[in-house]
Amino acid sequence: MNARAAILTRLWREQRAVLVVFVLALALTGAFGGRIVVRALYWATPGHQQQDPEPWMTPAYIARSWDLPNAAVDAILGFDPAQYDGRRHPSLARIARARGEPVEALIADLRAALPGLRALPEGANPAPAPEAKP
């Protein structure tokens, strides 16, 4: 038996709980570390930055793509996250359907407002309160 196997055998016999906790900690560190790396690489890709809004996108996805706070995109859309069940982030298509308007109109509003938001200084009011539609 080599030295490593002897150490692991001894640890398993004498410190089983500590060894199990250590292995679980290593596994969780690897899982969350891998997740961070994958997300960082995804958002660092130029194709995912300042993407043109599409019906499948959520307000949070657009905010991340344009490097904006979620509240800025929510303000443009007149979107209140509290209206939705919280289990699933609504897409632009779902928001437009709930408002009874075409998704193209919602996307046009976003396309017009997003470039201006990029120029706002840090902490500035992202958009005026949306007007109520009759």
N, C-alpha and C. Protein backbone atom coordinates (compact mmCIF):
# COMPACT_ATOMS: atom_id res chain seq x y z
N MET A 1 0.86 -1.17 0.00
CA MET A 1 0.00 0.00 0.00
C MET A 1 0.90 1.23 0.00
N ASN A 2 0.62 2.19 -0.90
CA ASN A 2 1.47 3.38 -0.94
C ASN A 2 1.09 4.34 0.19
N ALA A 3 1.86 5.38 0.34
CA ALA A 3 1.69 6.30 1.46
C ALA A 3 0.37 7.06 1.40
N ARG A 4 -0.06 7.46 0.20
CA ARG A 4 -1.32 8.20 0.08
C ARG A 4 -2.51 7.33 0.47
N ALA A 5 -2.52 6.12 0.01
CA ALA A 5 -3.62 5.22 0.35
C ALA A 5 -3.66 4.95 1.85
N ALA A 6 -2.48 4.83 2.46
CA ALA A 6 -2.43 4.60 3.90
C ALA A 6 -2.98 5.79 4.67
N ILE A 7 -2.67 7.00 4.21
CA ILE A 7 -3.17 8.22 4.87
C ILE A 7 -4.69 8.30 4.73
N LEU A 8 -5.21 8.05 3.53
CA LEU A 8 -6.65 8.10 3.31
C LEU A 8 -7.38 7.03 4.13
N THR A 9 -6.80 5.84 4.20
CA THR A 9 -7.41 4.77 5.00
C THR A 9 -7.46 5.16 6.47
N ARG A 10 -6.38 5.73 6.96
CA ARG A 10 -6.32 6.15 8.36
C ARG A 10 -7.33 7.28 8.63
N LEU A 11 -7.38 8.26 7.71
CA LEU A 11 -8.35 9.35 7.86
C LEU A 11 -9.79 8.82 7.85
N TRP A 12 -10.07 7.88 6.95
CA TRP A 12 -11.42 7.32 6.87
C TRP A 12 -11.80 6.61 8.17
N ARG A 13 -10.86 5.92 8.75
CA ARG A 13 -11.13 5.20 10.00
C ARG A 13 -11.26 6.15 11.19
N GLU A 14 -10.37 7.13 11.28
CA GLU A 14 -10.28 7.96 12.48
C GLU A 14 -11.03 9.28 12.40
N GLN A 15 -11.16 9.85 11.21
CA GLN A 15 -11.76 11.18 11.05
C GLN A 15 -12.79 11.18 9.91
N ARG A 16 -13.65 10.21 9.91
CA ARG A 16 -14.61 10.04 8.81
C ARG A 16 -15.46 11.29 8.59
N ALA A 17 -16.02 11.85 9.64
CA ALA A 17 -16.90 13.02 9.50
C ALA A 17 -16.13 14.21 8.92
N VAL A 18 -14.92 14.44 9.40
CA VAL A 18 -14.11 15.55 8.90
C VAL A 18 -13.77 15.34 7.42
N LEU A 19 -13.44 14.14 7.06
CA LEU A 19 -13.11 13.84 5.67
C LEU A 19 -14.31 14.04 4.76
N VAL A 20 -15.49 13.60 5.18
CA VAL A 20 -16.71 13.77 4.39
C VAL A 20 -17.02 15.26 4.22
N VAL A 21 -16.92 16.03 5.30
CA VAL A 21 -17.18 17.48 5.22
C VAL A 21 -16.16 18.14 4.30
N PHE A 22 -14.91 17.74 4.39
CA PHE A 22 -13.87 18.31 3.53
C PHE A 22 -14.14 18.01 2.05
N VAL A 23 -14.52 16.79 1.74
CA VAL A 23 -14.81 16.42 0.35
C VAL A 23 -16.03 17.19 -0.16
N LEU A 24 -17.05 17.32 0.68
CA LEU A 24 -18.23 18.11 0.30
C LEU A 24 -17.87 19.57 0.05
N ALA A 25 -17.02 20.13 0.91
CA ALA A 25 -16.57 21.51 0.73
C ALA A 25 -15.81 21.68 -0.58
N LEU A 26 -14.95 20.71 -0.90
CA LEU A 26 -14.22 20.76 -2.17
C LEU A 26 -15.18 20.69 -3.36
N ALA A 27 -16.17 19.81 -3.27
CA ALA A 27 -17.14 19.66 -4.37
C ALA A 27 -17.94 20.94 -4.56
N LEU A 28 -18.41 21.55 -3.48
CA LEU A 28 -19.17 22.79 -3.59
C LEU A 28 -18.32 23.93 -4.11
N THR A 29 -17.09 24.01 -3.67
CA THR A 29 -16.18 25.03 -4.17
C THR A 29 -15.97 24.87 -5.67
N GLY A 30 -15.77 23.64 -6.12
CA GLY A 30 -15.60 23.40 -7.55
C GLY A 30 -16.85 23.74 -8.35
N ALA A 31 -18.02 23.39 -7.82
CA ALA A 31 -19.27 23.66 -8.54
C ALA A 31 -19.52 25.16 -8.66
N PHE A 32 -19.42 25.88 -7.53
CA PHE A 32 -19.68 27.31 -7.59
C PHE A 32 -18.56 28.06 -8.32
N GLY A 33 -17.34 27.62 -8.17
CA GLY A 33 -16.24 28.22 -8.91
C GLY A 33 -16.42 28.05 -10.42
N GLY A 34 -16.83 26.85 -10.82
CA GLY A 34 -17.08 26.60 -12.24
C GLY A 34 -18.22 27.46 -12.77
N ARG A 35 -19.24 27.62 -11.96
CA ARG A 35 -20.39 28.44 -12.36
C ARG A 35 -19.96 29.90 -12.57
N ILE A 36 -19.13 30.40 -11.68
CA ILE A 36 -18.64 31.77 -11.80
C ILE A 36 -17.82 31.93 -13.08
N VAL A 37 -16.96 30.98 -13.36
CA VAL A 37 -16.12 31.06 -14.57
C VAL A 37 -16.98 31.02 -15.83
N VAL A 38 -17.95 30.12 -15.87
CA VAL A 38 -18.83 30.01 -17.05
C VAL A 38 -19.60 31.31 -17.26
N ARG A 39 -20.16 31.87 -16.21
CA ARG A 39 -20.92 33.12 -16.35
C ARG A 39 -20.02 34.29 -16.75
N ALA A 40 -18.83 34.35 -16.18
CA ALA A 40 -17.91 35.43 -16.53
C ALA A 40 -17.51 35.34 -18.00
N LEU A 41 -17.24 34.15 -18.47
CA LEU A 41 -16.89 33.99 -19.88
C LEU A 41 -18.07 34.32 -20.79
N TYR A 42 -19.28 33.92 -20.39
CA TYR A 42 -20.47 34.21 -21.20
C TYR A 42 -20.65 35.71 -21.37
N TRP A 43 -20.62 36.47 -20.26
CA TRP A 43 -20.89 37.90 -20.34
C TRP A 43 -19.69 38.69 -20.85
N ALA A 44 -18.50 38.11 -20.87
CA ALA A 44 -17.33 38.81 -21.40
C ALA A 44 -17.26 38.72 -22.93
N THR A 45 -18.02 37.80 -23.50
CA THR A 45 -18.04 37.65 -24.95
C THR A 45 -18.71 38.88 -25.58
N PRO A 46 -18.07 39.52 -26.55
CA PRO A 46 -18.65 40.73 -27.15
C PRO A 46 -20.06 40.52 -27.73
N GLY A 47 -20.37 39.32 -28.18
CA GLY A 47 -21.69 39.06 -28.73
C GLY A 47 -22.81 39.15 -27.71
N HIS A 48 -22.48 39.11 -26.41
CA HIS A 48 -23.51 39.19 -25.37
C HIS A 48 -23.58 40.56 -24.72
N GLN A 49 -22.80 41.50 -25.19
CA GLN A 49 -22.81 42.85 -24.65
C GLN A 49 -23.60 43.76 -25.57
N GLN A 50 -24.47 44.55 -24.98
CA GLN A 50 -25.33 45.50 -25.69
C GLN A 50 -26.11 44.81 -26.81
N GLN A 51 -26.71 43.68 -26.47
CA GLN A 51 -27.52 42.96 -27.45
C GLN A 51 -28.80 43.73 -27.74
N ASP A 52 -29.22 43.65 -28.98
CA ASP A 52 -30.49 44.24 -29.39
C ASP A 52 -31.61 43.45 -28.71
N PRO A 53 -32.58 44.13 -28.08
CA PRO A 53 -33.66 43.40 -27.40
C PRO A 53 -34.44 42.49 -28.34
N GLU A 54 -34.78 41.32 -27.84
CA GLU A 54 -35.58 40.34 -28.59
C GLU A 54 -36.70 39.85 -27.67
N PRO A 55 -37.80 39.33 -28.25
CA PRO A 55 -38.95 38.92 -27.44
C PRO A 55 -38.65 37.90 -26.35
N TRP A 56 -37.67 37.03 -26.52
CA TRP A 56 -37.38 35.99 -25.53
C TRP A 56 -36.62 36.51 -24.32
N MET A 57 -36.04 37.68 -24.42
CA MET A 57 -35.20 38.22 -23.34
C MET A 57 -36.04 38.71 -22.16
N THR A 58 -35.45 38.64 -20.98
CA THR A 58 -36.09 39.19 -19.79
C THR A 58 -35.49 40.56 -19.50
N PRO A 59 -36.18 41.39 -18.71
CA PRO A 59 -35.59 42.70 -18.37
C PRO A 59 -34.23 42.55 -17.68
N ALA A 60 -34.08 41.55 -16.83
CA ALA A 60 -32.80 41.36 -16.14
C ALA A 60 -31.69 40.99 -17.13
N TYR A 61 -32.00 40.18 -18.14
CA TYR A 61 -31.01 39.81 -19.14
C TYR A 61 -30.56 41.06 -19.92
N ILE A 62 -31.51 41.90 -20.28
CA ILE A 62 -31.18 43.12 -21.02
C ILE A 62 -30.33 44.04 -20.15
N ALA A 63 -30.71 44.17 -18.88
CA ALA A 63 -29.94 45.02 -17.97
C ALA A 63 -28.50 44.52 -17.85
N ARG A 64 -28.31 43.23 -17.73
CA ARG A 64 -26.96 42.69 -17.61
C ARG A 64 -26.19 42.88 -18.92
N SER A 65 -26.85 42.69 -20.05
CA SER A 65 -26.19 42.84 -21.34
C SER A 65 -25.73 44.28 -21.57
N TRP A 66 -26.51 45.23 -21.08
CA TRP A 66 -26.18 46.65 -21.27
C TRP A 66 -25.45 47.24 -20.07
N ASP A 67 -25.13 46.40 -19.07
CA ASP A 67 -24.43 46.83 -17.87
C ASP A 67 -25.18 47.96 -17.16
N LEU A 68 -26.46 47.71 -16.94
CA LEU A 68 -27.34 48.67 -16.27
C LEU A 68 -27.95 48.03 -15.03
N PRO A 69 -28.41 48.84 -14.09
CA PRO A 69 -29.16 48.26 -12.98
C PRO A 69 -30.51 47.74 -13.48
N ASN A 70 -31.01 46.70 -12.87
CA ASN A 70 -32.31 46.14 -13.29
C ASN A 70 -33.41 47.18 -13.23
N ALA A 71 -33.35 48.07 -12.23
CA ALA A 71 -34.39 49.08 -12.07
C ALA A 71 -34.46 50.03 -13.27
N ALA A 72 -33.35 50.26 -13.95
CA ALA A 72 -33.35 51.14 -15.12
C ALA A 72 -34.17 50.55 -16.25
N VAL A 73 -33.98 49.27 -16.53
CA VAL A 73 -34.75 48.62 -17.59
C VAL A 73 -36.21 48.46 -17.16
N ASP A 74 -36.43 48.14 -15.89
CA ASP A 74 -37.79 48.03 -15.38
C ASP A 74 -38.54 49.35 -15.54
N ALA A 75 -37.85 50.48 -15.30
CA ALA A 75 -38.48 51.79 -15.43
C ALA A 75 -38.88 52.09 -16.87
N ILE A 76 -38.04 51.73 -17.82
CA ILE A 76 -38.36 51.95 -19.23
C ILE A 76 -39.62 51.17 -19.62
N LEU A 77 -39.69 49.94 -19.14
CA LEU A 77 -40.81 49.06 -19.49
C LEU A 77 -42.06 49.32 -18.66
N GLY A 78 -41.92 50.07 -17.58
CA GLY A 78 -43.04 50.21 -16.66
C GLY A 78 -43.36 48.88 -16.01
N PHE A 79 -42.32 48.11 -15.77
CA PHE A 79 -42.44 46.74 -15.28
C PHE A 79 -42.29 46.70 -13.77
N ASP A 80 -43.21 46.03 -13.11
CA ASP A 80 -43.14 45.84 -11.66
C ASP A 80 -42.92 44.36 -11.40
N PRO A 81 -41.71 43.97 -10.98
CA PRO A 81 -41.42 42.55 -10.75
C PRO A 81 -42.36 41.91 -9.72
N ALA A 82 -42.93 42.71 -8.83
CA ALA A 82 -43.83 42.16 -7.80
C ALA A 82 -45.12 41.61 -8.40
N GLN A 83 -45.45 42.03 -9.63
CA GLN A 83 -46.68 41.55 -10.28
C GLN A 83 -46.59 40.08 -10.67
N TYR A 84 -45.39 39.58 -10.83
CA TYR A 84 -45.21 38.23 -11.33
C TYR A 84 -44.93 37.27 -10.19
N ASP A 85 -45.16 36.00 -10.44
CA ASP A 85 -45.11 34.98 -9.39
C ASP A 85 -43.73 34.76 -8.79
N GLY A 86 -42.67 35.25 -9.42
CA GLY A 86 -41.33 35.11 -8.87
C GLY A 86 -40.66 33.79 -9.19
N ARG A 87 -41.42 32.81 -9.66
CA ARG A 87 -40.82 31.52 -9.99
C ARG A 87 -40.10 31.58 -11.32
N ARG A 88 -40.55 32.45 -12.20
CA ARG A 88 -39.97 32.52 -13.53
C ARG A 88 -39.90 33.98 -13.95
N HIS A 89 -38.78 34.38 -14.50
CA HIS A 89 -38.64 35.75 -14.96
C HIS A 89 -39.42 35.91 -16.26
N PRO A 90 -40.30 36.90 -16.35
CA PRO A 90 -41.10 37.06 -17.57
C PRO A 90 -40.28 37.62 -18.72
N SER A 91 -40.55 37.13 -19.90
CA SER A 91 -39.88 37.62 -21.10
C SER A 91 -40.58 38.90 -21.57
N LEU A 92 -39.94 39.60 -22.51
CA LEU A 92 -40.57 40.79 -23.07
C LEU A 92 -41.90 40.43 -23.71
N ALA A 93 -41.97 39.27 -24.37
CA ALA A 93 -43.21 38.83 -25.01
C ALA A 93 -44.31 38.65 -23.97
N ARG A 94 -43.97 38.06 -22.83
CA ARG A 94 -44.97 37.83 -21.78
C ARG A 94 -45.42 39.16 -21.15
N ILE A 95 -44.48 40.08 -20.97
CA ILE A 95 -44.82 41.40 -20.41
C ILE A 95 -45.75 42.14 -21.38
N ALA A 96 -45.43 42.12 -22.67
CA ALA A 96 -46.26 42.80 -23.67
C ALA A 96 -47.66 42.18 -23.72
N ARG A 97 -47.72 40.85 -23.64
CA ARG A 97 -49.02 40.17 -23.66
C ARG A 97 -49.85 40.58 -22.45
N ALA A 98 -49.21 40.69 -21.29
CA ALA A 98 -49.93 41.08 -20.08
C ALA A 98 -50.42 42.53 -20.15
N ARG A 99 -49.68 43.37 -20.87
CA ARG A 99 -50.06 44.78 -21.03
C ARG A 99 -51.02 44.98 -22.18
N GLY A 100 -51.22 43.96 -22.99
CA GLY A 100 -52.13 44.06 -24.13
C GLY A 100 -51.60 44.90 -25.27
N GLU A 101 -50.31 44.87 -25.47
CA GLU A 101 -49.72 45.62 -26.57
C GLU A 101 -48.76 44.72 -27.34
N PRO A 102 -48.45 45.07 -28.56
CA PRO A 102 -47.53 44.23 -29.35
C PRO A 102 -46.11 44.30 -28.79
N VAL A 103 -45.44 43.17 -28.83
CA VAL A 103 -44.08 43.10 -28.31
C VAL A 103 -43.15 44.01 -29.10
N GLU A 104 -43.45 44.24 -30.37
CA GLU A 104 -42.61 45.12 -31.19
C GLU A 104 -42.60 46.54 -30.65
N ALA A 105 -43.75 47.01 -30.11
CA ALA A 105 -43.81 48.35 -29.54
C ALA A 105 -42.95 48.43 -28.28
N LEU A 106 -42.99 47.40 -27.47
CA LEU A 106 -42.18 47.35 -26.26
C LEU A 106 -40.69 47.35 -26.62
N ILE A 107 -40.33 46.57 -27.61
CA ILE A 107 -38.93 46.50 -28.05
C ILE A 107 -38.49 47.83 -28.65
N ALA A 108 -39.38 48.49 -29.38
CA ALA A 108 -39.04 49.80 -29.96
C ALA A 108 -38.76 50.82 -28.86
N ASP A 109 -39.56 50.79 -27.79
CA ASP A 109 -39.31 51.69 -26.65
C ASP A 109 -37.94 51.42 -26.05
N LEU A 110 -37.61 50.14 -25.89
CA LEU A 110 -36.31 49.78 -25.33
C LEU A 110 -35.17 50.23 -26.24
N ARG A 111 -35.31 49.97 -27.54
CA ARG A 111 -34.25 50.35 -28.49
C ARG A 111 -34.00 51.85 -28.46
N ALA A 112 -35.06 52.63 -28.29
CA ALA A 112 -34.91 54.09 -28.26
C ALA A 112 -34.27 54.57 -26.97
N ALA A 113 -34.55 53.89 -25.85
CA ALA A 113 -34.09 54.38 -24.55
C ALA A 113 -32.74 53.84 -24.10
N LEU A 114 -32.38 52.63 -24.49
CA LEU A 114 -31.16 52.00 -23.98
C LEU A 114 -29.88 52.79 -24.27
N PRO A 115 -29.64 53.28 -25.49
CA PRO A 115 -28.39 54.03 -25.72
C PRO A 115 -28.26 55.27 -24.83
N GLY A 116 -29.37 55.93 -24.52
CA GLY A 116 -29.33 57.10 -23.66
C GLY A 116 -29.00 56.75 -22.22
N LEU A 117 -29.41 55.58 -21.79
CA LEU A 117 -29.12 55.16 -20.42
C LEU A 117 -27.64 54.88 -20.23
N ARG A 118 -26.95 54.45 -21.27
CA ARG A 118 -25.52 54.17 -21.17
C ARG A 118 -24.75 55.44 -20.85
N ALA A 119 -25.29 56.60 -21.26
CA ALA A 119 -24.58 57.85 -21.07
C ALA A 119 -24.83 58.48 -19.69
N LEU A 120 -25.79 57.96 -18.94
CA LEU A 120 -26.10 58.53 -17.63
C LEU A 120 -24.96 58.28 -16.65
N PRO A 121 -24.68 59.26 -15.80
CA PRO A 121 -23.66 59.04 -14.77
C PRO A 121 -24.17 58.07 -13.71
N GLU A 122 -23.24 57.51 -12.96
CA GLU A 122 -23.56 56.56 -11.90
C GLU A 122 -24.53 57.18 -10.90
N GLY A 123 -25.61 56.47 -10.59
CA GLY A 123 -26.58 56.92 -9.59
C GLY A 123 -27.64 57.86 -10.12
N ALA A 124 -27.61 58.20 -11.41
CA ALA A 124 -28.62 59.11 -11.96
C ALA A 124 -29.95 58.38 -12.10
N ASN A 125 -31.04 59.13 -12.12
CA ASN A 125 -32.37 58.55 -12.28
C ASN A 125 -32.46 57.94 -13.67
N PRO A 126 -32.72 56.65 -13.78
CA PRO A 126 -32.65 55.98 -15.07
C PRO A 126 -33.71 56.42 -16.07
N ALA A 127 -34.90 56.70 -15.61
CA ALA A 127 -35.97 57.09 -16.53
C ALA A 127 -37.08 57.72 -15.73
N PRO A 128 -37.84 58.61 -16.36
CA PRO A 128 -38.98 59.18 -15.65
C PRO A 128 -40.03 58.10 -15.42
N ALA A 129 -40.91 58.35 -14.49
CA ALA A 129 -41.98 57.37 -14.21
C ALA A 129 -42.80 57.19 -15.48
N PRO A 130 -43.10 55.95 -15.85
CA PRO A 130 -43.85 55.72 -17.08
C PRO A 130 -45.28 56.26 -16.96
N GLU A 131 -45.77 56.78 -18.09
CA GLU A 131 -47.13 57.30 -18.11
C GLU A 131 -48.10 56.14 -18.18
N ALA A 132 -49.23 56.32 -17.52
CA ALA A 132 -50.27 55.28 -17.57
C ALA A 132 -50.94 55.35 -18.93
N LYS A 133 -51.12 54.22 -19.56
CA LYS A 133 -51.78 54.16 -20.87
C LYS A 133 -53.27 53.96 -20.65
N PRO A 134 -54.10 54.69 -21.41
CA PRO A 134 -55.56 54.54 -21.23
C PRO A 134 -56.07 53.20 -21.65
